[in-house]
Protein backbone atom coordinates (compact mmCIF):
# COMPACT_ATOMS: atom_id res chain seq x y z
CA MET A 1 0.01 0.05 -0.01
CA LYS A 2 2.78 2.38 0.86
CA LYS A 3 4.63 1.58 -2.39
CA TRP A 4 1.40 2.38 -4.44
CA ILE A 5 0.99 5.81 -2.78
CA PHE A 6 4.63 6.59 -3.43
CA SER A 7 4.35 5.66 -7.04
CA VAL A 8 1.26 7.97 -7.49
CA LEU A 9 3.03 10.96 -5.90
CA THR A 10 6.03 10.42 -8.05
CA ILE A 11 3.98 10.34 -11.25
CA LEU A 12 2.17 13.56 -10.10
CA GLY A 13 5.47 15.34 -9.53
CA ILE A 14 6.71 14.42 -12.96
CA VAL A 15 3.45 15.71 -14.53
CA ILE A 16 3.78 19.05 -12.59
CA LEU A 17 7.39 19.47 -13.73
CA LEU A 18 6.45 18.85 -17.39
CA VAL A 19 3.18 20.75 -17.61
CA LEU A 20 3.52 24.00 -15.52
CA PRO A 21 6.43 25.51 -17.45
CA LYS A 22 4.33 25.15 -20.64
CA LEU A 23 1.43 26.97 -19.06
CA GLY A 24 3.68 29.78 -17.98
CA LEU A 25 2.73 29.42 -14.37
CA TRP A 26 6.21 28.32 -13.20
CA ASN A 27 8.19 31.49 -14.27
CA SER A 28 7.63 34.15 -11.64
CA GLU A 29 9.22 36.93 -13.74
CA LYS A 30 6.79 39.12 -15.70
CA LYS A 31 7.54 39.77 -19.46
CA PRO A 32 7.81 43.51 -20.33
CA SER A 33 4.88 44.98 -22.19
CA ALA A 34 5.06 46.56 -25.61
CA LYS A 35 4.55 50.02 -24.11
CA ASN A 36 7.52 49.47 -21.68
CA ASP A 37 9.70 48.41 -24.61
CA GLN A 38 8.86 51.60 -26.53
CA SER A 39 9.63 53.73 -23.51
CA ALA A 40 12.96 52.01 -22.98
CA ASN A 41 13.88 52.46 -26.64
CA ARG A 42 12.89 56.11 -26.59
CA ALA A 43 15.00 56.74 -23.48
CA SER A 44 17.98 55.03 -24.98
CA SER A 45 17.73 57.11 -28.19
CA ALA A 46 17.09 60.50 -26.50
CA LEU A 47 19.79 63.18 -26.81
CA PRO A 48 21.42 64.05 -23.49
CA VAL A 49 21.50 67.79 -22.95
CA GLU A 50 21.80 70.44 -20.31
CA ALA A 51 19.22 73.18 -19.77
CA MET A 52 18.40 76.22 -17.71
CA ARG A 53 15.17 77.70 -16.29
CA ILE A 54 14.44 81.15 -17.71
CA THR A 55 14.41 83.92 -15.18
CA THR A 56 14.45 87.73 -15.40
CA SER A 57 17.03 90.15 -13.98
CA LYS A 58 17.85 93.92 -14.00
CA LEU A 59 19.97 94.93 -16.99
CA ASP A 60 21.81 98.22 -17.58
CA ASN A 61 22.04 99.24 -21.18
CA VAL A 62 25.70 100.29 -21.23
CA VAL A 63 27.77 101.52 -24.16
CA VAL A 64 31.48 101.13 -23.68
CA ILE A 65 33.70 103.57 -25.64
CA THR A 66 37.09 105.19 -25.36
CA GLY A 67 37.73 108.92 -24.84
CA SER A 68 40.23 111.36 -23.29
CA VAL A 69 40.63 113.84 -20.43
CA GLN A 70 40.53 117.48 -21.20
CA ALA A 71 41.17 120.54 -19.05
CA ASN A 72 38.16 122.47 -17.96
CA GLU A 73 39.95 125.60 -19.24
CA SER A 74 43.35 125.90 -20.87
CA LEU A 75 45.18 128.87 -22.40
CA GLU A 76 48.60 129.45 -23.99
CA LEU A 77 49.86 132.59 -22.54
CA LYS A 78 51.21 135.20 -25.00
CA SER A 79 51.91 138.92 -24.64
CA GLU A 80 49.72 141.54 -26.22
CA THR A 81 52.74 143.71 -26.89
CA ALA A 82 56.27 142.97 -28.17
CA GLY A 83 59.31 143.86 -26.03
CA LYS A 84 61.75 142.71 -23.51
CA ILE A 85 60.73 140.62 -20.49
CA THR A 86 61.74 142.52 -17.39
CA ARG A 87 60.19 140.14 -14.72
CA ILE A 88 58.63 136.74 -14.43
CA TYR A 89 56.54 136.27 -11.35
CA PHE A 90 55.19 132.72 -11.68
CA GLU A 91 56.79 129.33 -10.91
CA GLU A 92 56.40 126.38 -13.21
CA GLY A 93 53.90 123.78 -12.03
CA ARG A 94 52.41 126.05 -9.35
CA ALA A 95 48.93 127.18 -8.79
CA VAL A 96 47.81 130.82 -9.49
CA LYS A 97 44.69 132.76 -8.82
CA LYS A 98 42.66 134.77 -11.26
CA GLY A 99 44.25 138.26 -11.62
CA ASP A 100 47.68 137.34 -10.42
CA LEU A 101 50.47 139.13 -12.32
CA LEU A 102 52.56 136.51 -14.22
CA LEU A 103 54.95 138.47 -16.43
CA GLN A 104 56.03 142.02 -17.12
CA VAL A 105 57.24 143.41 -20.39
CA ASN A 106 59.39 146.59 -20.53
CA ASP A 107 57.07 149.57 -20.06
CA VAL A 108 59.57 152.36 -19.32
CA GLU A 109 58.64 154.53 -22.34
CA ILE A 110 54.96 154.06 -21.80
CA LYS A 111 55.28 155.17 -18.14
CA ALA A 112 57.26 158.25 -19.12
CA GLU A 113 54.68 159.30 -21.79
CA LEU A 114 51.92 158.69 -19.13
CA THR A 115 53.68 160.95 -16.64
CA LYS A 116 53.91 163.59 -19.37
CA GLN A 117 50.21 163.38 -20.13
CA LYS A 118 49.24 163.58 -16.43
CA PHE A 119 51.14 166.93 -16.19
CA ASN A 120 49.40 168.18 -19.34
CA LYS A 121 46.10 167.19 -17.80
CA LYS A 122 46.78 169.19 -14.67
CA LEU A 123 47.70 172.18 -16.66
CA ASN A 124 44.60 171.87 -18.87
CA GLU A 125 42.38 171.47 -15.77
CA GLY A 126 43.65 174.94 -14.56
CA ILE A 127 43.09 176.49 -17.87
CA GLU A 128 39.59 175.12 -18.20
CA PHE A 129 38.78 176.34 -14.68
CA ARG A 130 39.86 179.85 -15.41
CA GLN A 131 38.12 179.96 -18.77
CA ARG A 132 34.90 178.83 -17.17
CA LYS A 133 35.00 181.64 -14.65
CA LEU A 134 35.65 184.13 -17.33
CA LEU A 135 32.73 182.73 -19.40
CA GLU A 136 30.42 183.13 -16.44
CA LYS A 137 31.39 186.84 -16.38
CA GLU A 138 30.95 186.97 -20.16
CA ALA A 139 34.67 188.06 -20.40
CA ILE A 140 35.38 185.50 -23.11
CA SER A 141 33.39 183.87 -25.85
CA GLN A 142 31.89 180.34 -25.76
CA GLU A 143 34.31 179.30 -28.47
CA GLU A 144 37.40 180.13 -26.30
CA TYR A 145 35.99 178.12 -23.38
CA ASP A 146 35.19 175.16 -25.62
CA ASN A 147 38.82 175.09 -26.88
CA ALA A 148 40.07 174.99 -23.30
CA LEU A 149 37.56 172.16 -22.41
CA ASN A 150 38.58 170.14 -25.49
CA LYS A 151 42.26 170.29 -24.52
CA LEU A 152 41.34 168.95 -21.07
CA ASN A 153 39.23 166.10 -22.44
CA THR A 154 41.99 165.21 -24.99
CA SER A 155 44.46 165.02 -22.15
CA GLN A 156 42.21 162.61 -20.24
CA ALA A 157 41.74 160.47 -23.31
CA ASP A 158 45.51 160.30 -23.94
CA ILE A 159 46.03 159.15 -20.45
CA ALA A 160 43.40 156.46 -20.84
CA VAL A 161 45.13 155.16 -23.98
CA LEU A 162 48.48 155.01 -22.25
CA GLU A 163 47.08 153.28 -19.27
CA ALA A 164 45.56 150.62 -21.57
CA GLN A 165 48.95 150.25 -23.36
CA GLU A 166 50.74 149.92 -20.02
CA GLU A 167 48.31 147.20 -18.95
CA LYS A 168 49.10 145.31 -22.11
CA THR A 169 52.70 144.97 -20.93
CA LYS A 170 51.49 142.88 -18.05
CA ILE A 171 50.25 139.28 -18.34
CA ARG A 172 47.73 138.34 -15.65
CA ALA A 173 46.05 135.01 -14.98
CA PRO A 174 42.55 135.03 -16.61
CA PHE A 175 41.37 132.26 -14.27
CA ASP A 176 42.45 129.98 -11.37
CA GLY A 177 44.70 127.20 -12.50
CA ILE A 178 48.13 125.72 -12.72
CA ILE A 179 50.95 127.05 -14.84
CA GLY A 180 52.78 124.62 -17.05
CA LEU A 181 56.35 124.78 -18.26
CA ARG A 182 57.59 128.12 -19.38
CA TYR A 183 59.41 128.68 -22.67
CA VAL A 184 61.02 132.06 -22.09
CA SER A 185 63.40 133.70 -19.58
CA GLU A 186 63.84 137.24 -18.11
CA GLY A 187 65.50 139.51 -20.58
CA ALA A 188 64.30 137.67 -23.67
CA LEU A 189 62.74 139.72 -26.46
CA ILE A 190 59.22 138.40 -27.30
CA ALA A 191 56.74 139.11 -30.01
CA THR A 192 52.92 138.88 -29.68
CA SER A 193 53.14 135.28 -31.14
CA THR A 194 55.73 134.04 -28.70
CA PRO A 195 54.28 131.26 -26.38
CA ILE A 196 55.28 131.82 -22.74
CA ALA A 197 53.51 129.06 -20.97
CA THR A 198 50.16 127.29 -20.66
CA LEU A 199 47.71 127.82 -17.89
CA TYR A 200 45.37 124.84 -17.05
CA ASN A 201 42.33 124.62 -14.93
CA ILE A 202 41.69 120.90 -14.34
CA SER A 203 39.00 120.99 -11.61
CA PRO A 204 36.58 119.88 -12.72
CA ALA A 205 38.00 117.88 -15.65
CA LYS A 206 36.22 117.45 -18.92
CA ILE A 207 35.80 113.87 -20.42
CA GLU A 208 35.32 113.86 -24.16
CA PHE A 209 34.16 110.75 -26.09
CA SER A 210 32.10 109.81 -29.17
CA ILE A 211 29.29 107.25 -29.40
CA PRO A 212 27.75 105.62 -32.45
CA GLY A 213 25.20 107.78 -34.10
CA ARG A 214 22.47 105.10 -33.63
CA TYR A 215 22.44 105.96 -29.88
CA SER A 216 21.90 109.75 -30.46
CA MET A 217 18.23 109.59 -29.27
CA GLN A 218 19.16 107.83 -26.10
CA VAL A 219 21.71 110.13 -24.59
CA LYS A 220 20.74 113.28 -22.76
CA PRO A 221 22.51 115.94 -20.69
CA GLY A 222 22.66 114.87 -17.02
CA GLN A 223 23.26 111.13 -17.65
CA LYS A 224 25.89 109.53 -15.61
CA ILE A 225 29.08 107.92 -16.86
CA ASN A 226 31.63 105.63 -15.17
CA PHE A 227 35.21 105.66 -16.51
CA THR A 228 38.76 104.48 -15.73
CA VAL A 229 42.00 105.83 -16.83
CA GLU A 230 44.83 103.87 -18.38
CA SER A 231 46.98 101.87 -15.86
CA ASP A 232 44.52 102.42 -13.09
CA THR A 233 41.59 100.44 -11.85
CA SER A 234 39.97 103.25 -9.94
CA VAL A 235 36.46 104.03 -11.22
CA PHE A 236 35.58 107.72 -11.64
CA VAL A 237 32.09 109.14 -12.09
CA GLY A 238 31.07 112.01 -14.44
CA GLN A 239 27.97 113.68 -15.77
CA VAL A 240 27.22 114.48 -19.40
CA TYR A 241 26.82 118.25 -19.79
CA ALA A 242 27.14 118.96 -23.56
CA ILE A 243 26.30 117.06 -26.74
CA GLU A 244 27.46 118.14 -30.23
CA PRO A 245 24.26 119.01 -32.23
CA GLN A 246 25.37 117.06 -35.25
CA ILE A 247 26.68 113.56 -36.14
CA ASP A 248 30.11 113.52 -37.77
CA ALA A 249 29.54 112.72 -41.46
CA ASN A 250 32.84 110.84 -41.76
CA THR A 251 32.79 108.67 -38.59
CA ARG A 252 29.02 108.53 -38.05
CA THR A 253 29.56 109.29 -34.32
CA LEU A 254 28.29 111.88 -31.90
CA LYS A 255 30.69 113.80 -29.76
CA ILE A 256 29.81 114.18 -26.08
CA ARG A 257 31.48 115.94 -23.08
CA ALA A 258 31.04 115.21 -19.46
CA LEU A 259 32.34 116.83 -16.21
CA ALA A 260 34.14 114.88 -13.51
CA GLU A 261 35.23 116.08 -10.04
CA ASN A 262 39.03 116.43 -9.86
CA THR A 263 39.92 118.22 -6.68
CA LYS A 264 42.80 115.80 -6.05
CA GLY A 265 44.30 116.26 -9.53
CA LEU A 266 44.27 112.61 -10.43
CA LEU A 267 42.88 113.34 -13.89
CA ILE A 268 45.43 114.88 -16.18
CA PRO A 269 44.58 116.41 -19.62
CA GLY A 270 45.44 114.04 -22.44
CA GLN A 271 44.87 110.83 -20.46
CA PHE A 272 43.20 107.93 -22.27
CA VAL A 273 39.93 106.75 -20.59
CA ARG A 274 37.49 103.85 -20.99
CA VAL A 275 33.94 105.20 -20.65
CA GLU A 276 30.76 103.29 -19.81
CA LEU A 277 27.66 105.31 -20.66
CA ILE A 278 24.40 104.05 -19.06
CA LEU A 279 21.67 104.65 -21.69
CA GLY A 280 18.82 102.99 -19.84
CA VAL A 281 17.81 100.29 -17.37
CA THR A 282 15.50 97.23 -18.08
CA ASP A 283 14.03 95.85 -14.80
CA LYS A 284 12.84 92.40 -16.22
CA ALA A 285 15.39 91.42 -18.81
CA ILE A 286 15.85 87.74 -20.07
CA MET A 287 19.56 86.94 -20.43
CA VAL A 288 20.73 83.65 -21.99
CA PRO A 289 24.16 82.17 -22.88
CA THR A 290 25.25 83.31 -26.28
CA GLU A 291 26.08 79.76 -27.35
CA ALA A 292 22.37 78.82 -26.97
CA VAL A 293 21.33 81.23 -29.67
CA ILE A 294 21.57 80.11 -33.20
CA PRO A 295 21.87 82.85 -35.90
CA GLU A 296 19.77 82.37 -39.12
CA LEU A 297 19.12 84.35 -42.24
CA ASN A 298 15.80 85.59 -40.94
CA GLY A 299 16.92 86.21 -37.38
CA HIS A 300 17.82 84.02 -34.39
CA LYS A 301 16.39 80.90 -32.84
CA VAL A 302 16.77 78.75 -29.61
CA PHE A 303 15.52 75.38 -28.51
CA ILE A 304 13.45 74.84 -25.50
CA SER A 305 12.35 71.62 -23.83
CA LYS A 306 8.68 70.74 -24.02
CA ASN A 307 7.27 67.25 -23.11
CA GLY A 308 10.64 65.66 -23.49
CA LYS A 309 11.14 67.02 -26.98
CA ALA A 310 13.20 69.91 -28.41
CA GLN A 311 11.08 72.72 -29.68
CA GLU A 312 12.42 75.49 -31.99
CA VAL A 313 11.59 79.06 -30.98
CA MET A 314 12.39 82.19 -33.02
CA VAL A 315 13.60 85.04 -30.81
CA GLN A 316 14.62 88.68 -31.12
CA THR A 317 17.83 89.63 -29.47
CA GLY A 318 18.92 92.79 -27.73
CA ILE A 319 22.00 93.75 -25.74
CA ARG A 320 25.11 91.62 -25.63
CA LYS A 321 26.87 91.69 -22.19
CA ASN A 322 30.03 89.48 -21.91
CA ILE A 323 28.87 85.95 -22.48
CA LEU A 324 25.20 86.69 -22.15
CA LEU A 325 22.67 87.91 -24.73
CA GLU A 326 19.36 89.66 -24.04
CA ILE A 327 16.28 88.05 -25.50
CA VAL A 328 13.70 90.71 -26.26
CA SER A 329 10.99 88.49 -27.45
CA GLY A 330 10.28 84.76 -27.99
CA LEU A 331 11.09 83.42 -24.51
CA HIS A 332 9.13 83.66 -21.31
CA PRO A 333 9.97 83.18 -17.62
CA ASN A 334 10.01 79.50 -16.49
CA ASP A 335 10.70 78.20 -20.04
CA THR A 336 13.34 75.53 -20.10
CA LEU A 337 16.08 76.61 -22.48
CA ILE A 338 18.53 73.95 -23.83
CA THR A 339 22.12 75.12 -23.59
CA THR A 340 24.16 72.19 -24.84
CA GLY A 341 24.08 69.93 -27.93
CA ILE A 342 22.76 72.84 -30.00
CA LEU A 343 24.24 71.63 -33.36
CA GLN A 344 22.46 68.20 -32.94
CA LEU A 345 19.09 69.52 -32.09
CA LYS A 346 16.11 69.65 -34.44
CA ASN A 347 12.43 70.30 -33.92
CA GLY A 348 10.73 67.47 -32.24
CA LEU A 349 13.84 65.49 -31.30
CA ASP A 350 13.62 63.40 -28.12
CA ILE A 351 16.01 64.80 -25.40
CA GLN A 352 16.95 63.85 -21.98
CA ILE A 353 18.00 66.67 -19.51
CA THR A 354 20.99 65.50 -17.65
CA LYS A 355 21.69 68.84 -15.77
CA MET A 356 19.53 71.78 -14.98
CA ASN A 357 21.56 75.03 -14.49
C-alpha cells in the first residue's frame, strides 16, 4: 500500500514538472509589455542635454567707448605787446589765482609818456577852470572856453590810452589754474606770437568721447558715466553736460562731453579713458548664454524643452553683455532653455535633460 502511494506521488510530481512551465505558471518573472519596450527604446535614443530655467533680472544698457581727459579751461599765454621781459612772477607747475601778475614786459617808455600826459592834464584843468569863470562873467566867448575844455578832455583820453597800453605789458592770470612749463626767460625779447607758458584749470575735468550715431536719441545731458584711466583700476564718475548738435559725417559718431570732479588732481589732460555710458535700465530682462542662440538668415532661434522634446523658437535679441545675450521676445519666464548639444538639435527631437543650471 505504501509503495502504491509513493508511485502515485512520483507520477504527479513528474507531470507538474512537465506541464507547469508550458502553461507559463512556473516562471515568476513578468515579461515587459510593448509599451514599456517603446519607453525604453525612446530613453536609450534621447539626446542628453543640459538646460536652464528662464528667469528675469535687472539689465543696464551700457555703451563702452574710449575717450580722453581735457582741461576744464586751458590757455597758451602770450603777450599783447612785443618787447623785453623784465620780470617773471610765476613758478612752473604752481597754482595761481585769477588776476595774479605773471609776467612784465618793458614799459619804461609808456610810463614816461603817461607821466607827461598827467602833467598836461593838470595844466589843462587849470586853464579850463579859469576859462569857465571868465565865461560866467561873459569876459570870453563860448568858443574860447570850448577850446580849453577840449584840450582837457583830450589829455584825459590820452592818459586812458597810455594806461591801456601799460596794462598790455602785463600778463595776468585770466582764471584760477596751474601754470605749466615756461618757454622764455627774463631778458628775452618776445613778439605777440611767442608762447610763454600754458595755464590749465583741471578741476573739474572734462571727459570727451564719441558714441555711434544710432544711440543719439538715447543720450541726454545729465546722464551719468563711469570711466577708468589707463594703468589704473579706480572708477571715476562723471555727468554729461554737452552734446554736439550734429553727427560727424565721416565717422558717423556723436561727440559728447562730461564733467568729473578732480579736486585731487588725479585726472590729467590728455589721459586715455574707458567710458561706460548708461543709456537705460531694463528691470525684467531675459539673459541667456550666447552659445544657446543660433543665428539664421531671418533672425535668431533657440531650442526649449517641452514634453521631453526639443522645440524650436524664433527670438529677437537685444544687448550683448560679456557671455550673455538679451532676448527681447520669444522666450518667457520658466521656459526651459536647452544650452548644450545645440548643433545636434532639431524640432521634435527626443531629449533627456542631464543637468539643470
